[in-house]
Amino acid sequence: MAVADALAVAKAKDVTLDERKIAQLDDAGDEGVDIVFKDGLRARAALLVHKPPTGVVAADLVIELGVDIIEGTDSLVKRNDPFGRTNVRGVFVTGDVGTLLE
């Protein structure tokens, strides 16, 4: 599922997306995590997810091999789980540069 699709589903389920910079995280025990933002405001969350920006180090190699990439990205590779198989026989992707084939 593309990130935009996942965000749409999350918003439909009343999930809050907050892109403020975080200064500190404090354990709130069974209630989740307390977030202290750089602006000094606080919030509590039962679940906190972070997806840092990623990219392929050898993007030229991906292009040369003819590996399918996700439209709208420079080099995010399409993959089939559970083993990270790509559209090119014998080429596999691991880590944050691959996403499931749609």
Protein backbone atom coordinates (compact mmCIF):
# COMPACT_ATOMS: atom_id res chain seq x y z
CA MET A 1 0.00 0.00 0.00
CA ALA A 2 1.38 3.41 -0.93
CA VAL A 3 2.11 5.89 1.86
CA ALA A 4 -0.66 8.24 0.69
CA ASP A 5 -3.16 5.36 0.78
CA ALA A 6 -2.02 4.34 4.26
CA LEU A 7 -2.41 7.92 5.50
CA ALA A 8 -5.92 8.12 4.06
CA VAL A 9 -6.89 4.92 5.88
CA ALA A 10 -5.33 6.18 9.12
CA LYS A 11 -7.18 9.50 8.92
CA ALA A 12 -10.47 7.67 8.27
CA LYS A 13 -9.86 5.71 11.48
CA ASP A 14 -9.38 8.95 13.45
CA VAL A 15 -5.59 8.67 13.65
CA THR A 16 -3.75 11.95 14.23
CA LEU A 17 -0.80 12.84 12.04
CA ASP A 18 1.51 15.38 13.67
CA GLU A 19 4.65 16.49 11.86
CA ARG A 20 6.09 18.75 14.58
CA LYS A 21 9.69 18.14 15.63
CA ILE A 22 10.05 16.03 18.77
CA ALA A 23 12.39 17.16 21.54
CA GLN A 24 11.90 14.27 23.97
CA LEU A 25 9.98 11.03 24.54
CA ASP A 26 8.96 9.92 28.03
CA ASP A 27 7.62 6.51 29.02
CA ALA A 28 3.98 6.74 30.12
CA GLY A 29 3.83 3.10 31.21
CA ASP A 30 0.73 1.22 30.10
CA GLU A 31 -0.75 4.44 28.70
CA GLY A 32 1.84 4.78 25.91
CA VAL A 33 4.42 7.48 25.42
CA ASP A 34 4.51 11.17 26.37
CA ILE A 35 5.82 13.36 23.57
CA VAL A 36 7.48 16.71 24.26
CA PHE A 37 7.64 18.79 21.08
CA LYS A 38 10.32 21.37 20.32
CA ASP A 39 7.70 24.11 20.79
CA GLY A 40 7.26 22.93 24.41
CA LEU A 41 3.78 21.46 23.96
CA ARG A 42 3.10 17.88 25.05
CA ALA A 43 0.93 15.01 23.87
CA ARG A 44 0.36 11.38 24.84
CA ALA A 45 0.19 8.62 22.25
CA ALA A 46 -0.66 4.95 22.51
CA LEU A 47 1.37 4.30 19.35
CA LEU A 48 4.12 6.36 17.79
CA VAL A 49 5.40 5.65 14.27
CA HIS A 50 8.37 7.24 12.54
CA LYS A 51 9.38 6.74 8.92
CA PRO A 52 12.64 8.49 8.11
CA PRO A 53 13.40 9.50 4.53
CA THR A 54 15.21 6.73 2.67
CA GLY A 55 16.65 6.16 -0.75
CA VAL A 56 18.72 3.77 -2.82
CA VAL A 57 22.46 4.33 -2.61
CA ALA A 58 23.02 2.78 -6.05
CA ALA A 59 20.03 4.23 -7.92
CA ASP A 60 21.90 3.99 -11.23
CA LEU A 61 22.28 0.23 -10.72
CA VAL A 62 18.54 -0.15 -10.10
CA ILE A 63 17.84 1.64 -13.39
CA GLU A 64 20.48 -0.36 -15.29
CA LEU A 65 19.05 -3.66 -14.06
CA GLY A 66 15.54 -2.66 -15.14
CA VAL A 67 14.08 -3.15 -11.67
CA ASP A 68 10.57 -1.71 -11.31
CA ILE A 69 10.37 1.39 -9.12
CA ILE A 70 7.36 3.08 -7.57
CA GLU A 71 5.96 5.89 -9.73
CA GLY A 72 6.60 9.31 -8.27
CA THR A 73 9.77 8.22 -6.45
CA ASP A 74 13.37 8.43 -7.58
CA SER A 75 14.26 4.89 -6.67
CA LEU A 76 11.85 3.18 -4.26
CA VAL A 77 11.89 -0.42 -5.48
CA LYS A 78 8.75 -2.56 -5.96
CA ARG A 79 9.10 -5.90 -4.18
CA ASN A 80 7.27 -9.15 -3.51
CA ASP A 81 7.32 -10.56 0.00
CA PRO A 82 8.22 -12.62 1.88
CA PHE A 83 11.71 -12.59 0.34
CA GLY A 84 11.96 -9.20 -1.37
CA ARG A 85 11.89 -10.56 -4.93
CA THR A 86 11.76 -7.89 -7.65
CA ASN A 87 10.51 -8.11 -11.24
CA VAL A 88 14.05 -9.08 -12.36
CA ARG A 89 14.88 -12.76 -11.80
CA GLY A 90 17.64 -13.16 -9.21
CA VAL A 91 17.41 -9.55 -7.96
CA PHE A 92 16.14 -9.02 -4.43
CA VAL A 93 15.62 -5.87 -2.38
CA THR A 94 16.06 -5.50 1.38
CA GLY A 95 15.54 -2.80 3.93
CA ASP A 96 13.78 0.52 3.55
CA VAL A 97 14.23 0.94 -0.21
CA GLY A 98 11.61 -1.64 -1.13
CA THR A 99 7.85 -1.68 -0.90
CA LEU A 100 5.26 -4.34 -1.66
CA LEU A 101 4.12 -4.69 -5.25
CA GLU A 102 0.61 -3.33 -5.72
